[in-house]
N, C-alpha and C. Protein backbone atom coordinates (compact mmCIF):
# COMPACT_ATOMS: atom_id res chain seq x y z
N MET A 1 -10.74 -27.96 1.21
CA MET A 1 -10.67 -26.64 0.71
C MET A 1 -8.99 -27.06 -0.03
N SER A 2 -8.84 -26.82 -1.12
CA SER A 2 -7.52 -26.99 -1.85
C SER A 2 -6.40 -25.91 -1.51
N LEU A 3 -5.23 -26.27 -1.61
CA LEU A 3 -4.36 -25.23 -1.75
C LEU A 3 -4.32 -23.98 -1.94
N LEU A 4 -4.69 -23.80 -3.04
CA LEU A 4 -5.18 -22.54 -3.89
C LEU A 4 -6.23 -21.82 -3.22
N GLN A 5 -7.24 -22.74 -2.64
CA GLN A 5 -8.43 -21.80 -1.85
C GLN A 5 -7.79 -21.24 -0.61
N LEU A 6 -7.07 -21.95 -0.12
CA LEU A 6 -6.90 -21.71 1.41
C LEU A 6 -5.74 -20.58 1.01
N TRP A 7 -4.75 -20.54 0.10
CA TRP A 7 -4.07 -19.50 -0.19
C TRP A 7 -4.75 -18.19 -0.58
N HIS A 8 -5.63 -18.45 -1.60
CA HIS A 8 -6.52 -17.43 -1.85
C HIS A 8 -7.22 -16.44 -0.53
N THR A 9 -7.73 -17.35 0.17
CA THR A 9 -8.56 -16.98 1.03
C THR A 9 -7.51 -16.04 2.21
N LEU A 10 -6.31 -16.59 2.64
CA LEU A 10 -5.40 -15.94 3.26
C LEU A 10 -4.97 -14.64 2.46
N HIS A 11 -4.53 -14.79 1.44
CA HIS A 11 -4.42 -13.69 0.65
C HIS A 11 -5.29 -12.58 0.47
N THR A 12 -6.72 -12.85 0.61
CA THR A 12 -7.69 -11.91 0.16
C THR A 12 -7.80 -11.28 1.74
N TYR A 13 -7.72 -11.93 2.85
CA TYR A 13 -7.77 -11.37 3.80
C TYR A 13 -6.67 -10.24 4.21
N ILE A 14 -5.76 -10.53 3.80
CA ILE A 14 -4.18 -9.87 4.20
C ILE A 14 -4.47 -8.34 3.19
N CYS A 15 -4.66 -8.80 1.82
CA CYS A 15 -4.83 -7.53 1.19
C CYS A 15 -6.12 -6.71 1.57
N LEU A 16 -6.94 -7.09 1.83
CA LEU A 16 -8.05 -6.06 2.40
C LEU A 16 -7.49 -5.43 3.62
N ALA A 17 -6.66 -5.89 4.48
CA ALA A 17 -6.20 -5.63 5.79
C ALA A 17 -4.86 -4.58 5.23
N MET A 18 -4.44 -4.47 4.39
CA MET A 18 -3.38 -3.78 3.73
C MET A 18 -3.84 -2.93 2.41
N SER A 19 -5.11 -2.74 2.45
CA SER A 19 -5.58 -2.15 0.94
C SER A 19 -5.23 -0.91 0.49
N SER A 20 -4.30 -0.27 1.27
CA SER A 20 -3.46 0.90 0.84
C SER A 20 -2.49 0.87 0.12
N ASN A 21 -2.14 -0.36 -0.09
CA ASN A 21 -0.70 -0.22 -0.71
C ASN A 21 -0.63 -2.03 -1.53
N PHE A 22 -1.40 -2.05 -2.91
CA PHE A 22 -1.29 -3.30 -3.75
C PHE A 22 0.24 -3.72 -4.09
N PHE A 23 1.13 -2.66 -3.98
CA PHE A 23 2.51 -3.12 -4.57
C PHE A 23 3.34 -3.43 -3.63
N THR A 24 3.28 -4.35 -2.73
CA THR A 24 4.31 -4.78 -1.54
C THR A 24 5.34 -5.57 -1.80
N PRO A 25 6.92 -5.17 -1.54
CA PRO A 25 7.68 -6.12 -1.90
C PRO A 25 7.70 -7.77 -0.97
N VAL A 26 8.13 -8.63 -1.65
CA VAL A 26 7.94 -9.82 -1.43
C VAL A 26 8.40 -10.06 0.15
N GLU A 27 9.70 -9.50 0.33
CA GLU A 27 10.01 -9.68 1.64
C GLU A 27 8.92 -8.93 2.85
N GLU A 28 8.22 -7.98 2.52
CA GLU A 28 7.43 -7.46 3.36
C GLU A 28 6.15 -8.46 3.31
N ARG A 29 5.71 -9.01 2.14
CA ARG A 29 4.27 -10.03 2.17
C ARG A 29 4.89 -10.98 3.21
N GLU A 30 6.06 -11.83 3.15
CA GLU A 30 6.56 -12.60 3.76
C GLU A 30 6.30 -12.34 5.08
N LYS A 31 6.67 -11.06 5.77
CA LYS A 31 6.59 -10.97 7.17
C LYS A 31 5.03 -10.59 7.50
N ILE A 32 4.14 -10.01 6.93
CA ILE A 32 2.86 -10.08 7.25
C ILE A 32 2.20 -11.23 6.93
N PHE A 33 2.45 -12.01 6.08
CA PHE A 33 2.21 -13.53 6.31
C PHE A 33 2.28 -14.36 7.48
N CYS A 34 3.58 -14.07 7.73
CA CYS A 34 4.27 -14.74 8.93
C CYS A 34 3.43 -14.53 10.25
N THR A 35 3.58 -12.95 10.35
CA THR A 35 2.74 -12.48 11.37
C THR A 35 1.28 -12.95 11.38
N GLU A 36 0.71 -12.91 10.74
CA GLU A 36 -0.74 -13.29 10.46
C GLU A 36 -0.93 -14.81 11.12
N LEU A 37 0.04 -15.65 10.22
CA LEU A 37 -0.26 -17.04 10.87
C LEU A 37 0.22 -17.16 12.32
N VAL A 38 1.30 -16.63 12.60
CA VAL A 38 1.71 -16.99 13.97
C VAL A 38 0.58 -16.35 15.06
N ASN A 39 0.04 -15.15 14.71
CA ASN A 39 -0.94 -14.81 15.49
C ASN A 39 -2.15 -15.27 15.66
N ARG A 40 -2.60 -16.35 14.82
CA ARG A 40 -3.59 -17.38 14.69
C ARG A 40 -3.20 -18.58 15.12
N GLY A 41 -2.19 -18.78 15.88
CA GLY A 41 -1.74 -20.04 16.53
C GLY A 41 -0.88 -20.99 15.44
N VAL A 42 -0.40 -20.78 14.44
CA VAL A 42 0.47 -21.59 13.70
C VAL A 42 1.98 -21.37 14.08
N GLU A 43 2.47 -22.54 14.40
CA GLU A 43 3.98 -22.34 15.04
C GLU A 43 4.94 -21.74 14.12
N HIS A 44 5.70 -20.91 14.84
CA HIS A 44 6.47 -20.20 14.29
C HIS A 44 7.24 -20.60 13.12
N GLN A 45 8.10 -21.50 13.22
CA GLN A 45 8.89 -22.29 12.10
C GLN A 45 8.03 -22.77 10.76
N LYS A 46 6.84 -23.29 11.03
CA LYS A 46 6.07 -23.46 10.04
C LYS A 46 5.56 -22.26 9.21
N ALA A 47 5.16 -21.26 10.21
CA ALA A 47 4.62 -19.88 9.69
C ALA A 47 5.78 -19.23 8.81
N VAL A 48 6.89 -19.29 9.24
CA VAL A 48 7.92 -18.95 8.17
C VAL A 48 8.26 -19.45 6.84
N ILE A 49 8.02 -20.67 6.98
CA ILE A 49 8.23 -21.32 5.72
C ILE A 49 6.72 -21.25 4.98
N ALA A 50 6.04 -21.38 5.41
CA ALA A 50 4.44 -21.14 4.57
C ALA A 50 4.63 -19.57 4.21
N ALA A 51 4.80 -18.82 4.95
CA ALA A 51 4.74 -17.26 4.51
C ALA A 51 5.62 -17.06 3.22
N LYS A 52 6.88 -17.53 3.33
CA LYS A 52 7.93 -17.44 2.12
C LYS A 52 7.13 -18.32 0.76
N ILE A 53 6.52 -19.43 1.37
CA ILE A 53 6.25 -20.23 -0.34
C ILE A 53 4.85 -19.11 -0.61
N LEU A 54 3.89 -18.56 0.13
CA LEU A 54 2.93 -17.81 -0.15
C LEU A 54 3.31 -16.42 -0.67
N ALA A 55 4.26 -15.80 -0.16
CA ALA A 55 4.61 -14.52 -0.64
C ALA A 55 5.46 -14.60 -2.03
N SER A 56 5.67 -15.82 -2.55
CA SER A 56 6.23 -16.08 -3.78
C SER A 56 5.32 -15.93 -4.73
N GLY A 57 4.32 -16.38 -4.48
CA GLY A 57 3.54 -16.63 -5.26
C GLY A 57 3.60 -17.90 -6.35
N GLN A 58 4.44 -18.86 -6.07
CA GLN A 58 4.63 -19.73 -6.91
C GLN A 58 3.46 -20.66 -7.31
N SER A 59 3.33 -21.40 -8.27
CA SER A 59 1.85 -22.14 -8.80
C SER A 59 2.33 -23.66 -7.78
N ASP A 60 0.99 -24.26 -7.61
CA ASP A 60 1.32 -25.38 -6.86
C ASP A 60 2.17 -26.52 -7.52
N GLU A 61 2.28 -26.61 -8.89
CA GLU A 61 3.19 -27.57 -9.71
C GLU A 61 4.49 -27.48 -9.18
N LEU A 62 5.13 -26.05 -8.89
CA LEU A 62 6.13 -25.77 -8.85
C LEU A 62 6.83 -26.21 -7.39
N LEU A 63 6.05 -26.54 -6.33
CA LEU A 63 6.02 -26.80 -4.90
C LEU A 63 6.34 -28.46 -4.83
N SER A 64 7.03 -28.68 -3.69
CA SER A 64 7.03 -30.18 -3.41
C SER A 64 6.17 -30.39 -2.53
N LEU A 65 6.01 -31.83 -2.38
CA LEU A 65 4.79 -32.23 -1.52
C LEU A 65 4.60 -31.85 -0.31
N GLU A 66 6.11 -31.63 0.62
CA GLU A 66 6.34 -31.48 2.12
C GLU A 66 5.89 -29.73 1.96
N GLU A 67 6.34 -28.90 0.90
CA GLU A 67 5.93 -27.48 0.83
C GLU A 67 4.47 -27.40 0.86
N LYS A 68 3.68 -28.06 0.01
CA LYS A 68 2.29 -28.03 -0.17
C LYS A 68 1.67 -28.35 1.07
N GLN A 69 2.12 -29.49 1.72
CA GLN A 69 1.47 -29.67 3.33
C GLN A 69 1.85 -28.72 4.15
N ILE A 70 2.81 -28.11 4.47
CA ILE A 70 3.44 -27.19 5.25
C ILE A 70 2.47 -25.74 5.25
N VAL A 71 2.13 -25.60 3.65
CA VAL A 71 1.43 -24.36 3.33
C VAL A 71 -0.30 -24.91 3.87
N LYS A 72 -0.50 -26.17 3.05
CA LYS A 72 -2.01 -26.58 3.75
C LYS A 72 -2.31 -26.33 5.40
N ASP A 73 -1.45 -26.97 5.97
CA ASP A 73 -1.26 -27.00 7.29
C ASP A 73 -1.65 -25.73 8.07
N ALA A 74 -0.59 -24.80 7.56
CA ALA A 74 -0.57 -23.49 8.57
C ALA A 74 -2.16 -23.02 7.83
N CYS A 75 -2.38 -22.95 6.46
CA CYS A 75 -3.52 -21.92 6.38
C CYS A 75 -4.89 -22.80 6.84
N LYS A 76 -4.66 -24.03 7.35
CA LYS A 76 -6.08 -24.46 7.72
C LYS A 76 -6.09 -24.30 9.42
N GLN A 77 -4.88 -24.14 9.78
CA GLN A 77 -4.44 -23.60 11.39
C GLN A 77 -5.16 -22.28 11.62
N TRP A 78 -4.66 -21.45 10.56
CA TRP A 78 -5.09 -19.87 10.31
C TRP A 78 -6.74 -20.03 10.00
N SER A 79 -7.09 -20.74 9.39
CA SER A 79 -8.83 -20.78 8.98
C SER A 79 -9.45 -21.02 10.16
N LEU A 80 -9.15 -21.85 11.28
CA LEU A 80 -9.51 -22.08 12.28
C LEU A 80 -9.89 -20.70 13.07
N TYR A 81 -9.07 -19.84 13.14
CA TYR A 81 -9.35 -18.81 14.01
C TYR A 81 -10.03 -17.89 13.51
N ILE A 82 -9.86 -17.90 11.94
CA ILE A 82 -10.78 -16.76 11.32
C ILE A 82 -12.40 -16.85 11.20
N ASN A 83 -12.42 -18.49 11.27
CA ASN A 83 -14.34 -18.60 10.98
C ASN A 83 -14.78 -18.61 12.55
């Protein structure tokens, strides 16, 4: 699964969970992503970094290889608990 697909899956899941508010500030999205990742077994520091990247909405092209790997690892860990 590509990084974009993983992000989309996580983002869709969280948007459904917070469907009453589609215009959530970036800081709040970071908290929500981080909480969701940690609750699904992602190590806290990795979850914080991944959440910041995911909430920013940056495209893959703007991310470093390390950032892409952190997000990919966090989302894969998260997806193990969802499926």
